[in-house]
Amino acid sequence: WSPKPCFGSTATWNCSLSASSSPIFSRSETLVHVPNMFRHYYLSTDEPLLGDCFTGQLTPAGFQQEVQNGMFLRLAYVDNPFLSTTFNSSEIYIRSDDVPRTIQSAEGLFYGLYPPDFCAQQPVDVVDIHMLDINSDYLSSRENGCPKFSVFINESHYSKRFQDHYVNTMKPLLEELGKILNTTFTSADDFDRISDCFHVHLCHRFPLPPQINDSLAQRAEDELTWLFNYYYTFPSRENGSKAAIGNVARDIHNRISDFISGENETKFILYSGHDTTILPLLNLLELNNASSVWPPYASRLTFELYEEVDSPGSHHVRVLYNGNVMSLPFCDDSITCPWEATFGPYLAKFIPTRDFCFN
C-alpha cells in the first residue's frame, strides 16, 4: 500500500469496524470485570483516503469474510466434533503478526468458530493472540526471518529469464497502465500496488477507471502472480522456499511433531498472515495450479493431521486450500500423505539454518 489514493480514486471508504482494548496485568484465562474499554479511532480528516480508513485496514466486508471462514471451520471441527463445543483455551493457539488487519482477521475467524453469546451472564473468555515484534516477525516480512530472501530477489532481477520477461511482457504493460492512470511505473514490483488498488476497489464495488477493463486488470494480476512465484522459486524451489517461508514451514513441522510426541496437545493452531504467506506455501507444496492464481481475500490453507485407526502411531496429513482437498505432487498425488515417511521429511528440508539465512 502507498499513502496515496489509488489512481486518484474518489472512493469513500467505510471502516466502521474498529478495535478496543483494556489494560490487563494478569494472565488469567477469564476476566470477571473490565473497568474500561478503549476504542481505537482513526480521524477521517487526517487520513490519506476518503472516509475513515487508514491504508491497509480491514473493512467490515473483510471481517465478515473471516467470520464466514470461522463458520466453515466450526462445521468441520466443532460440529464434527473435534474441538469442544465451547471455547477451551488449552485446545486453541492463535498466532498473528502485529498488524491491525491480521489481528482483526484472526478475531473475525474466531467469532465464526465460536460465535459470541452477548446475553450470557458469565466471565469473559480471554483469547490470546501471540505476536512477535513486527521488526523481527517473519510473518510480516520474509527478510525479518531470513535476510537471504532479499539477496535472492536482487539476484533474480539479473537472471535472463526475469529480464526477458520484464522487457517483453511487464514493461509494455506497465507503460500501458501508466498512460491510463497518469502515473510513471518503473519497476516490476509496481504490479503489487496496482493489483492491490484494483482488488480493493472491485471487492468493495467501487469503479475502476473506465479504461481499465476486466482483461487489463487480469493481466496486471497475472504479472504480479508470475513475479512473486518467480521470487519464491529462485534460484530453486528448495532454496527460494527456504528463504521465503522456511520459518513458517519450521513452525508447522514442529507443531505437528510436538503433537504426535505428546509434548503439546493443542488441537487447533491458527496463523493469521498475508497473501504473501499463503502463496509461498503453495509453491513449497508444489501446488502449481493453485499458485498460478493470486490468493483471494480471506484465503485459508489448512493442514489436517490424522492417525490410522488400525495402526496407532502412523499419521497422515491432508491439505485443503479454500476448502478444496489438494493432491500432493511430492506424495504421488495422494490426498493424504504419510507424515513419518514422506510429509514430515519433505517439510523438514525447507527449514533454513541460521547459516543459510544470515551468511
Protein backbone atom coordinates (compact mmCIF):
# COMPACT_ATOMS: atom_id res chain seq x y z
CA TRP A 1 0.00 0.00 0.00
CA SER A 2 1.06 3.57 -0.69
CA PRO A 3 -0.09 6.52 1.46
CA LYS A 4 -1.79 7.97 -1.62
CA PRO A 5 -5.23 7.20 -3.04
CA CYS A 6 -5.22 4.62 -5.83
CA PHE A 7 -5.06 6.26 -9.29
CA GLY A 8 -6.71 9.43 -7.90
CA SER A 9 -9.70 7.42 -6.73
CA THR A 10 -12.57 9.34 -5.13
CA ALA A 11 -13.97 6.25 -3.37
CA THR A 12 -15.07 6.90 0.22
CA TRP A 13 -14.08 4.04 2.50
CA ASN A 14 -16.12 2.83 5.45
CA CYS A 15 -14.15 1.45 8.34
CA SER A 16 -16.86 1.36 10.98
CA LEU A 17 -15.08 -1.78 12.14
CA SER A 18 -12.81 -0.68 14.94
CA ALA A 19 -10.91 -2.23 17.81
CA SER A 20 -10.95 -1.78 21.55
CA SER A 21 -8.61 -2.82 24.31
CA SER A 22 -8.29 -2.83 28.05
CA PRO A 23 -5.04 -2.95 30.00
CA ILE A 24 -4.52 -6.37 31.59
CA PHE A 25 -1.88 -7.14 34.16
CA SER A 26 -2.87 -10.76 34.69
CA ARG A 27 -2.60 -13.84 32.50
CA SER A 28 -5.78 -15.39 33.90
CA GLU A 29 -7.99 -17.15 31.37
CA THR A 30 -11.11 -15.15 32.16
CA LEU A 31 -11.97 -11.59 33.11
CA VAL A 32 -14.78 -11.17 35.60
CA HIS A 33 -14.77 -7.39 35.40
CA VAL A 34 -13.43 -4.98 32.78
CA PRO A 35 -13.47 -1.42 34.14
CA ASN A 36 -12.96 0.42 30.84
CA MET A 37 -12.60 -0.36 27.16
CA PHE A 38 -10.54 1.94 24.97
CA ARG A 39 -11.62 2.24 21.35
CA HIS A 40 -9.13 2.87 18.55
CA TYR A 41 -10.49 5.61 16.33
CA TYR A 42 -8.88 6.92 13.14
CA LEU A 43 -9.53 10.55 12.31
CA SER A 44 -11.07 10.84 8.86
CA THR A 45 -9.73 14.38 8.39
CA ASP A 46 -6.12 13.23 8.75
CA GLU A 47 -6.20 10.06 6.65
CA PRO A 48 -4.92 9.98 3.04
CA LEU A 49 -8.01 8.05 1.86
CA LEU A 50 -11.51 9.49 1.73
CA GLY A 51 -13.59 8.16 4.61
CA ASP A 52 -12.39 6.85 7.94
CA CYS A 53 -9.89 4.11 6.93
CA PHE A 54 -6.14 4.06 7.04
CA THR A 55 -4.28 2.28 4.23
CA GLY A 56 -4.34 -1.48 4.60
CA GLN A 57 -7.10 -1.51 7.23
CA LEU A 58 -9.57 -4.38 7.37
CA THR A 59 -13.06 -3.25 6.35
CA PRO A 60 -16.35 -4.67 7.68
CA ALA A 61 -16.65 -6.68 4.44
CA GLY A 62 -13.26 -8.25 5.04
CA PHE A 63 -14.08 -9.00 8.66
CA GLN A 64 -17.29 -10.74 7.60
CA GLN A 65 -15.32 -12.92 5.17
CA GLU A 66 -13.25 -14.14 8.10
CA VAL A 67 -16.35 -14.76 10.20
CA GLN A 68 -17.58 -16.94 7.33
CA ASN A 69 -14.25 -18.79 7.37
CA GLY A 70 -14.73 -19.46 11.06
CA MET A 71 -18.25 -20.76 10.42
CA PHE A 72 -16.90 -23.22 7.82
CA LEU A 73 -14.28 -24.41 10.30
CA ARG A 74 -16.91 -24.75 13.03
CA LEU A 75 -18.88 -27.11 10.80
CA ALA A 76 -15.75 -29.16 10.19
CA TYR A 77 -14.17 -29.23 13.64
CA VAL A 78 -16.74 -28.27 16.31
CA ASP A 79 -19.94 -29.79 14.96
CA ASN A 80 -17.97 -32.85 13.78
CA PRO A 81 -16.94 -33.00 16.76
CA PHE A 82 -13.21 -32.48 17.23
CA LEU A 83 -12.99 -29.29 19.26
CA SER A 84 -15.07 -28.59 22.34
CA THR A 85 -18.46 -27.01 21.75
CA THR A 86 -17.40 -24.02 23.85
CA PHE A 87 -14.04 -22.28 23.75
CA ASN A 88 -11.30 -24.13 25.59
CA SER A 89 -8.04 -22.17 25.68
CA SER A 90 -5.97 -25.35 26.04
CA GLU A 91 -7.17 -26.55 22.60
CA ILE A 92 -6.52 -23.42 20.54
CA TYR A 93 -3.42 -21.36 19.73
CA ILE A 94 -3.63 -18.17 17.66
CA ARG A 95 -0.62 -16.51 16.03
CA SER A 96 -0.61 -13.23 14.12
CA ASP A 97 1.83 -10.54 13.24
CA ASP A 98 1.33 -7.18 14.94
CA VAL A 99 -0.67 -5.66 12.08
CA PRO A 100 -4.24 -4.48 12.77
CA ARG A 101 -5.83 -6.25 9.78
CA THR A 102 -4.29 -9.64 10.53
CA ILE A 103 -5.22 -9.35 14.21
CA GLN A 104 -8.81 -8.47 13.30
CA SER A 105 -8.87 -11.25 10.71
CA ALA A 106 -7.98 -13.72 13.46
CA GLU A 107 -10.69 -12.23 15.66
CA GLY A 108 -13.26 -12.49 12.87
CA LEU A 109 -12.43 -16.14 12.24
CA PHE A 110 -12.66 -16.86 15.96
CA TYR A 111 -16.11 -15.19 16.07
CA GLY A 112 -17.28 -17.61 13.38
CA LEU A 113 -15.66 -20.59 15.08
CA TYR A 114 -17.16 -19.70 18.47
CA PRO A 115 -20.00 -17.21 17.97
CA PRO A 116 -20.26 -14.86 20.96
CA ASP A 117 -23.27 -15.11 23.26
CA PHE A 118 -23.98 -11.47 24.09
CA CYS A 119 -26.69 -12.47 26.55
CA ALA A 120 -24.56 -14.80 28.64
CA GLN A 121 -24.03 -13.68 32.23
CA GLN A 122 -20.65 -15.25 32.79
CA PRO A 123 -16.97 -14.28 32.88
CA VAL A 124 -15.49 -13.13 29.60
CA ASP A 125 -13.08 -15.52 27.89
CA VAL A 126 -9.62 -14.18 27.23
CA VAL A 127 -8.40 -15.31 23.81
CA ASP A 128 -4.64 -14.86 23.47
CA ILE A 129 -3.20 -13.79 20.12
CA HIS A 130 0.53 -14.43 20.06
CA MET A 131 2.82 -11.96 18.26
CA LEU A 132 6.45 -11.03 17.77
CA ASP A 133 7.98 -7.60 17.42
CA ILE A 134 6.95 -6.50 13.93
CA ASN A 135 10.55 -5.60 13.11
CA SER A 136 11.62 -9.21 13.59
CA ASP A 137 8.45 -11.12 12.71
CA TYR A 138 8.79 -13.41 9.68
CA LEU A 139 5.01 -13.27 9.18
CA SER A 140 5.30 -9.55 8.44
CA SER A 141 8.36 -9.74 6.23
CA ARG A 142 10.32 -12.65 4.85
CA GLU A 143 13.51 -10.62 5.24
CA ASN A 144 12.98 -10.44 9.00
CA GLY A 145 13.39 -14.16 9.46
CA CYS A 146 15.77 -14.79 6.58
CA PRO A 147 17.70 -11.88 5.02
CA LYS A 148 18.84 -14.24 2.28
CA PHE A 149 15.41 -13.68 0.70
CA SER A 150 16.42 -10.11 -0.22
CA VAL A 151 19.67 -11.41 -1.68
CA PHE A 152 17.78 -13.89 -3.86
CA ILE A 153 15.34 -11.20 -5.05
CA ASN A 154 18.17 -8.91 -6.07
CA GLU A 155 19.92 -11.75 -7.87
CA SER A 156 16.69 -12.79 -9.63
CA HIS A 157 16.44 -9.38 -11.29
CA TYR A 158 19.67 -10.12 -13.17
CA SER A 159 18.61 -13.54 -14.43
CA LYS A 160 17.99 -13.92 -18.15
CA ARG A 161 14.51 -15.33 -17.59
CA PHE A 162 13.47 -12.33 -15.50
CA GLN A 163 14.98 -9.74 -17.82
CA ASP A 164 13.42 -11.33 -20.91
CA HIS A 165 10.02 -11.45 -19.25
CA TYR A 166 10.31 -7.89 -17.98
CA VAL A 167 11.28 -6.45 -21.36
CA ASN A 168 8.79 -8.45 -23.43
CA THR A 169 5.77 -8.54 -21.11
CA MET A 170 6.00 -6.48 -17.95
CA LYS A 171 7.44 -3.23 -19.23
CA PRO A 172 4.92 -2.79 -22.08
CA LEU A 173 2.05 -3.47 -19.67
CA LEU A 174 3.44 -1.01 -17.10
CA GLU A 175 3.69 1.64 -19.81
CA GLU A 176 0.13 0.94 -20.95
CA LEU A 177 -1.19 1.17 -17.39
CA GLY A 178 0.91 4.27 -16.70
CA LYS A 179 -0.66 6.15 -19.59
CA ILE A 180 -4.16 5.24 -18.44
CA LEU A 181 -3.52 6.04 -14.77
CA ASN A 182 -1.35 9.09 -15.47
CA THR A 183 1.46 7.55 -13.43
CA THR A 184 5.01 6.51 -14.19
CA PHE A 185 5.76 2.90 -13.26
CA THR A 186 9.43 1.93 -13.27
CA SER A 187 9.65 -1.43 -11.53
CA ALA A 188 8.14 -4.91 -11.74
CA ASP A 189 7.25 -4.52 -8.06
CA ASP A 190 4.78 -1.77 -9.08
CA PHE A 191 2.38 -4.57 -10.03
CA ASP A 192 1.93 -5.18 -6.28
CA ARG A 193 0.40 -1.76 -5.66
CA ILE A 194 -1.51 -1.77 -8.95
CA SER A 195 -3.20 -5.09 -8.16
CA ASP A 196 -3.84 -4.04 -4.55
CA CYS A 197 -5.70 -0.99 -5.83
CA PHE A 198 -7.71 -2.98 -8.37
CA HIS A 199 -8.62 -5.75 -5.89
CA VAL A 200 -9.80 -3.50 -3.09
CA HIS A 201 -11.95 -1.39 -5.42
CA LEU A 202 -13.56 -4.36 -7.16
CA CYS A 203 -14.28 -6.20 -3.90
CA HIS A 204 -15.99 -3.13 -2.43
CA ARG A 205 -17.93 -2.41 -5.64
CA PHE A 206 -16.09 0.82 -6.39
CA PRO A 207 -15.43 1.52 -10.08
CA LEU A 208 -12.04 1.27 -11.72
CA PRO A 209 -11.01 3.94 -14.23
CA PRO A 210 -13.16 3.46 -17.35
CA GLN A 211 -10.17 2.43 -19.50
CA ILE A 212 -9.35 -0.45 -17.11
CA ASN A 213 -11.45 -3.37 -18.32
CA ASP A 214 -11.54 -6.85 -16.80
CA SER A 215 -8.94 -8.16 -19.23
CA LEU A 216 -6.42 -5.43 -18.38
CA ALA A 217 -6.95 -5.85 -14.64
CA GLN A 218 -6.44 -9.61 -15.01
CA ARG A 219 -3.23 -9.10 -16.97
CA ALA A 220 -1.86 -6.95 -14.14
CA GLU A 221 -2.76 -9.61 -11.58
CA ASP A 222 -1.21 -12.33 -13.73
CA GLU A 223 2.07 -10.40 -13.84
CA LEU A 224 2.03 -9.92 -10.06
CA THR A 225 1.49 -13.66 -9.63
CA TRP A 226 4.27 -14.50 -12.08
CA LEU A 227 6.64 -12.13 -10.29
CA PHE A 228 6.12 -13.48 -6.79
CA ASN A 229 6.12 -17.10 -7.91
CA TYR A 230 9.46 -16.38 -9.54
CA TYR A 231 10.78 -14.82 -6.32
CA TYR A 232 9.61 -17.81 -4.27
CA THR A 233 11.26 -20.38 -6.54
CA PHE A 234 14.56 -18.57 -7.25
CA PRO A 235 17.25 -19.84 -7.51
CA SER A 236 15.42 -23.15 -6.95
CA ARG A 237 12.17 -24.19 -5.34
CA GLU A 238 14.00 -25.55 -2.30
CA ASN A 239 16.24 -22.54 -1.67
CA GLY A 240 13.62 -19.99 -2.64
CA SER A 241 11.08 -21.60 -0.32
CA LYS A 242 13.61 -21.85 2.50
CA ALA A 243 14.25 -18.12 2.32
CA ALA A 244 10.65 -17.04 1.70
CA ILE A 245 8.63 -19.24 4.02
CA GLY A 246 11.04 -21.62 5.73
CA ASN A 247 10.40 -20.20 9.20
CA VAL A 248 6.67 -20.88 8.84
CA ALA A 249 7.46 -24.36 7.49
CA ARG A 250 9.53 -24.92 10.64
CA ASP A 251 6.59 -23.88 12.82
CA ILE A 252 4.22 -26.24 11.02
CA HIS A 253 6.70 -29.11 11.22
CA ASN A 254 7.44 -28.57 14.91
CA ARG A 255 3.80 -28.15 15.88
CA ILE A 256 2.80 -31.42 14.20
CA SER A 257 5.84 -33.25 15.60
CA ASP A 258 5.17 -31.97 19.13
CA PHE A 259 1.53 -33.04 18.96
CA ILE A 260 2.44 -36.54 17.80
CA SER A 261 5.05 -36.90 20.55
CA GLY A 262 2.64 -35.62 23.20
CA GLU A 263 4.76 -32.59 24.04
CA ASN A 264 1.92 -30.25 23.04
CA GLU A 265 -1.77 -31.16 22.99
CA THR A 266 -3.06 -28.04 21.22
CA LYS A 267 -5.61 -29.23 18.66
CA PHE A 268 -6.23 -26.12 16.57
CA ILE A 269 -3.48 -23.71 15.55
CA LEU A 270 -4.36 -20.59 13.59
CA TYR A 271 -1.79 -18.45 11.81
CA SER A 272 -3.21 -15.13 10.60
CA GLY A 273 -0.88 -13.86 7.90
CA HIS A 274 -0.97 -12.43 4.41
CA ASP A 275 -1.43 -13.44 0.79
CA THR A 276 2.37 -13.42 0.71
CA THR A 277 2.28 -16.06 3.44
CA ILE A 278 -0.04 -18.39 1.54
CA LEU A 279 1.48 -18.10 -1.94
CA PRO A 280 4.99 -19.28 -0.98
CA LEU A 281 3.47 -22.18 0.98
CA LEU A 282 1.56 -23.22 -2.16
CA ASN A 283 4.87 -23.14 -4.03
CA LEU A 284 6.61 -25.13 -1.31
CA LEU A 285 3.90 -27.79 -1.59
CA GLU A 286 4.30 -27.87 -5.40
CA LEU A 287 0.65 -26.90 -5.83
CA ASN A 288 1.32 -25.22 -9.15
CA ASN A 289 -2.29 -24.91 -10.27
CA ALA A 290 -3.26 -23.20 -7.03
CA SER A 291 -0.22 -20.92 -7.02
CA SER A 292 -0.88 -19.78 -10.60
CA VAL A 293 -3.70 -17.57 -9.24
CA TRP A 294 -3.14 -14.84 -6.67
CA PRO A 295 -4.72 -15.87 -3.32
CA PRO A 296 -8.15 -14.24 -2.99
CA TYR A 297 -9.01 -12.23 0.09
CA ALA A 298 -9.66 -14.37 3.18
CA SER A 299 -7.95 -17.41 1.68
CA ARG A 300 -7.16 -20.25 4.06
CA LEU A 301 -4.65 -23.08 3.83
CA THR A 302 -5.39 -25.97 6.18
CA PHE A 303 -3.18 -28.82 7.36
CA GLU A 304 -5.06 -31.71 8.99
CA LEU A 305 -3.34 -34.49 10.94
CA TYR A 306 -4.86 -37.98 11.10
CA GLU A 307 -3.86 -41.11 12.97
CA GLU A 308 -4.56 -44.53 11.46
CA VAL A 309 -7.21 -46.41 13.45
CA ASP A 310 -5.70 -49.79 12.67
CA SER A 311 -2.09 -48.65 13.04
CA PRO A 312 -1.62 -46.39 16.08
CA GLY A 313 1.48 -44.26 15.73
CA SER A 314 1.11 -43.91 11.97
CA HIS A 315 -0.05 -40.48 10.87
CA HIS A 316 -1.18 -38.83 7.66
CA VAL A 317 -1.58 -35.20 6.61
CA ARG A 318 -4.29 -33.77 4.41
CA VAL A 319 -4.03 -30.28 2.89
CA LEU A 320 -7.01 -28.12 1.93
CA TYR A 321 -6.92 -24.78 0.14
CA ASN A 322 -10.06 -22.68 0.48
CA GLY A 323 -11.97 -25.81 1.40
CA ASN A 324 -10.72 -27.91 -1.53
CA VAL A 325 -8.69 -31.05 -0.83
CA MET A 326 -5.31 -30.89 -2.57
CA SER A 327 -3.48 -33.73 -4.32
CA LEU A 328 0.16 -33.52 -3.26
CA PRO A 329 2.66 -33.99 -6.12
CA PHE A 330 5.55 -34.89 -3.80
CA CYS A 331 3.39 -37.66 -2.33
CA ASP A 332 2.38 -39.44 -5.58
CA ASP A 333 -0.55 -37.02 -5.99
CA SER A 334 -2.24 -38.57 -2.97
CA ILE A 335 -4.78 -36.54 -0.98
CA THR A 336 -3.41 -37.95 2.27
CA CYS A 337 0.33 -38.17 2.81
CA PRO A 338 2.17 -40.29 5.41
CA TRP A 339 3.73 -37.94 7.95
CA GLU A 340 6.56 -40.14 9.18
CA ALA A 341 7.65 -41.46 5.79
CA THR A 342 7.02 -38.53 3.45
CA PHE A 343 5.33 -35.31 4.56
CA GLY A 344 7.47 -34.68 7.64
CA PRO A 345 10.83 -35.27 5.90
CA TYR A 346 9.66 -33.25 2.89
CA LEU A 347 8.71 -30.27 5.07
CA ALA A 348 11.91 -30.54 7.10
CA LYS A 349 14.13 -29.97 4.07
CA PHE A 350 12.72 -26.44 3.75
CA ILE A 351 13.64 -25.43 7.31
CA PRO A 352 16.50 -22.95 6.96
CA THR A 353 19.61 -22.92 9.11
CA ARG A 354 20.93 -19.69 10.57
CA ASP A 355 23.97 -20.02 8.36
CA PHE A 356 21.73 -20.27 5.25
CA CYS A 357 19.75 -17.14 6.15
CA PHE A 358 22.41 -14.86 7.54
CA ASN A 359 25.57 -15.74 5.60
